[in-house]
Amino acid sequence: MEQKGWVSIWLGNMEEDSLDEYVAITYDREGVAAPAPFFIDFHLDMHEIDEDFIEREAYKNTSSELLTLLAGCSYEEVLIPKIKESVELHKTYNASILLYNFKYQGEIHSANTFDFIAVTNYE
């Protein structure tokens, strides 16, 4: 659900071009938006998420280190220490999706090649 000051984080494995397609909201000729596959996989209401507050990144190499996977994200100096306290990764990833001002409370924790990792506040 939309909630200011919160960020929801997913990690997965996907090439950059595929990641862009997986997260991109598309529009038909009439300008009607169609949800991205990511939104469908995790049952997200695209009307609750502002496209300007979506960050995604694909890396050449995989890692199981949060510091590596979230390096350069907005609010990294706040997010990484908070998440490291409560999250331990048990596999490697090469891609991240962060939804800002959104507090994911869904029941789907894994879909396609992505896993829901955490939700935390960043303010």
Foldseek 3Di string as FASTA:
>chain_A
DQAAQKKWKKFFADDPVVVCQQQDWDADPVRDTDGHVVCVFQVHDVVSADPVQKDKDFAPDKDQQPCVACPPPPLCVQPRVVLVVPFGGDDIGGMMIMTHSDDDDTDDQDDDGMGTTDMDGRD
